[in-house]
Amino acid sequence: YCWIAMNSVIVDGVTLGDHTIVAANSVVTKSFPEGYCIIGGNPAKLIKKIDKEKVVKYENKYKYRGFNRVKD
């Protein structure tokens, strides 16, 4: 449940926690596993933490199964 804005780059191996918002044109080079935050910049840094109590809980009827990397 992340929101990744346009032209953002997330480097391989980076982990983003739930309810993380990535600002436009950001380059995320380190992980933010705790989630509930807004990050942005080059390299991305914490801009603001989001209050967990104020987040509207939403669940899609189709569960995300994860990205399966194909190895040669």
C-alpha atoms as a PDB file:
ATOM      1  CA  TYR A   1       0.000   0.000   0.000  1.00  0.00           C
ATOM      2  CA  CYS A   2       2.520   2.577  -1.211  1.00  0.00           C
ATOM      3  CA  TRP A   3       2.055   5.527  -3.496  1.00  0.00           C
ATOM      4  CA  ILE A   4       4.958   6.112  -5.889  1.00  0.00           C
ATOM      5  CA  ALA A   5       4.766   9.341  -7.869  1.00  0.00           C
ATOM      6  CA  MET A   6       5.855   9.857 -11.473  1.00  0.00           C
ATOM      7  CA  ASN A   7       9.512   9.583 -12.554  1.00  0.00           C
ATOM      8  CA  SER A   8      10.642   8.111  -9.221  1.00  0.00           C
ATOM      9  CA  VAL A   9      13.456   5.565  -9.175  1.00  0.00           C
ATOM     10  CA  ILE A  10      13.622   2.862  -6.514  1.00  0.00           C
ATOM     11  CA  VAL A  11      16.976   1.099  -6.484  1.00  0.00           C
ATOM     12  CA  ASP A  12      17.104  -2.724  -6.400  1.00  0.00           C
ATOM     13  CA  GLY A  13      17.048  -4.137  -2.867  1.00  0.00           C
ATOM     14  CA  VAL A  14      15.167  -1.227  -1.274  1.00  0.00           C
ATOM     15  CA  THR A  15      12.237  -2.072   1.010  1.00  0.00           C
ATOM     16  CA  LEU A  16       9.322   0.313   1.539  1.00  0.00           C
ATOM     17  CA  GLY A  17       6.871  -0.243   4.381  1.00  0.00           C
ATOM     18  CA  ASP A  18       3.096   0.076   4.076  1.00  0.00           C
ATOM     19  CA  HIS A  19       1.616   3.532   3.474  1.00  0.00           C
ATOM     20  CA  THR A  20       4.872   5.063   2.221  1.00  0.00           C
ATOM     21  CA  ILE A  21       4.489   7.978  -0.200  1.00  0.00           C
ATOM     22  CA  VAL A  22       7.377   8.632  -2.612  1.00  0.00           C
ATOM     23  CA  ALA A  23       7.458  12.163  -4.047  1.00  0.00           C
ATOM     24  CA  ALA A  24       7.833  12.781  -7.785  1.00  0.00           C
ATOM     25  CA  ASN A  25      11.334  12.630  -9.318  1.00  0.00           C
ATOM     26  CA  SER A  26      12.791  10.986  -6.199  1.00  0.00           C
ATOM     27  CA  VAL A  27      15.650   8.495  -6.154  1.00  0.00           C
ATOM     28  CA  VAL A  28      15.207   6.018  -3.296  1.00  0.00           C
ATOM     29  CA  THR A  29      18.573   4.469  -2.402  1.00  0.00           C
ATOM     30  CA  LYS A  30      17.863   3.229   1.136  1.00  0.00           C
ATOM     31  CA  SER A  31      15.040   1.302   2.768  1.00  0.00           C
ATOM     32  CA  PHE A  32      12.166   2.740   4.793  1.00  0.00           C
ATOM     33  CA  PRO A  33      10.721  -0.483   6.249  1.00  0.00           C
ATOM     34  CA  GLU A  34       8.739   1.215   9.035  1.00  0.00           C
ATOM     35  CA  GLY A  35       6.379   2.800   6.497  1.00  0.00           C
ATOM     36  CA  TYR A  36       3.784   5.485   7.326  1.00  0.00           C
ATOM     37  CA  CYS A  37       5.984   8.265   5.950  1.00  0.00           C
ATOM     38  CA  ILE A  38       6.499  10.674   3.057  1.00  0.00           C
ATOM     39  CA  ILE A  39       9.918  10.558   1.396  1.00  0.00           C
ATOM     40  CA  GLY A  40      11.448  12.519  -1.441  1.00  0.00           C
ATOM     41  CA  GLY A  41      14.559  14.004  -2.986  1.00  0.00           C
ATOM     42  CA  ASN A  42      17.765  12.731  -4.516  1.00  0.00           C
ATOM     43  CA  PRO A  43      18.686  10.677  -2.558  1.00  0.00           C
ATOM     44  CA  ALA A  44      15.288  10.301  -0.866  1.00  0.00           C
ATOM     45  CA  LYS A  45      15.023  11.355   2.764  1.00  0.00           C
ATOM     46  CA  LEU A  46      12.225  11.439   5.299  1.00  0.00           C
ATOM     47  CA  ILE A  47       9.992  14.485   4.814  1.00  0.00           C
ATOM     48  CA  LYS A  48       7.156  13.677   7.207  1.00  0.00           C
ATOM     49  CA  LYS A  49       5.810  10.829   9.329  1.00  0.00           C
ATOM     50  CA  ILE A  50       2.149   9.861   8.939  1.00  0.00           C
ATOM     51  CA  ASP A  51      -0.010   9.240  12.027  1.00  0.00           C
ATOM     52  CA  LYS A  52      -1.095   5.573  11.928  1.00  0.00           C
ATOM     53  CA  GLU A  53      -4.354   6.391  13.714  1.00  0.00           C
ATOM     54  CA  LYS A  54      -5.459   8.810  10.972  1.00  0.00           C
ATOM     55  CA  VAL A  55      -4.783   6.488   8.021  1.00  0.00           C
ATOM     56  CA  VAL A  56      -7.919   5.257   6.272  1.00  0.00           C
ATOM     57  CA  LYS A  57      -7.682   1.474   6.146  1.00  0.00           C
ATOM     58  CA  TYR A  58      -8.236   0.136   2.641  1.00  0.00           C
ATOM     59  CA  GLU A  59      -7.819  -3.343   1.271  1.00  0.00           C
ATOM     60  CA  ASN A  60      -8.105  -4.261  -2.379  1.00  0.00           C
ATOM     61  CA  LYS A  61     -10.190  -7.332  -3.161  1.00  0.00           C
ATOM     62  CA  TYR A  62      -7.238  -8.658  -5.213  1.00  0.00           C
ATOM     63  CA  LYS A  63      -4.223  -9.404  -3.032  1.00  0.00           C
ATOM     64  CA  TYR A  64      -0.769  -8.388  -4.277  1.00  0.00           C
ATOM     65  CA  ARG A  65       1.354 -11.508  -4.590  1.00  0.00           C
ATOM     66  CA  GLY A  66       4.737  -9.804  -4.921  1.00  0.00           C
ATOM     67  CA  PHE A  67       7.206  -9.392  -7.722  1.00  0.00           C
ATOM     68  CA  ASN A  68       8.731 -12.587  -9.065  1.00  0.00           C
ATOM     69  CA  ARG A  69      12.163 -11.972 -10.492  1.00  0.00           C
ATOM     70  CA  VAL A  70      13.126 -14.169 -13.441  1.00  0.00           C
ATOM     71  CA  LYS A  71      16.725 -15.362 -13.203  1.00  0.00           C
ATOM     72  CA  ASP A  72      18.716 -16.396 -16.266  1.00  0.00           C
END
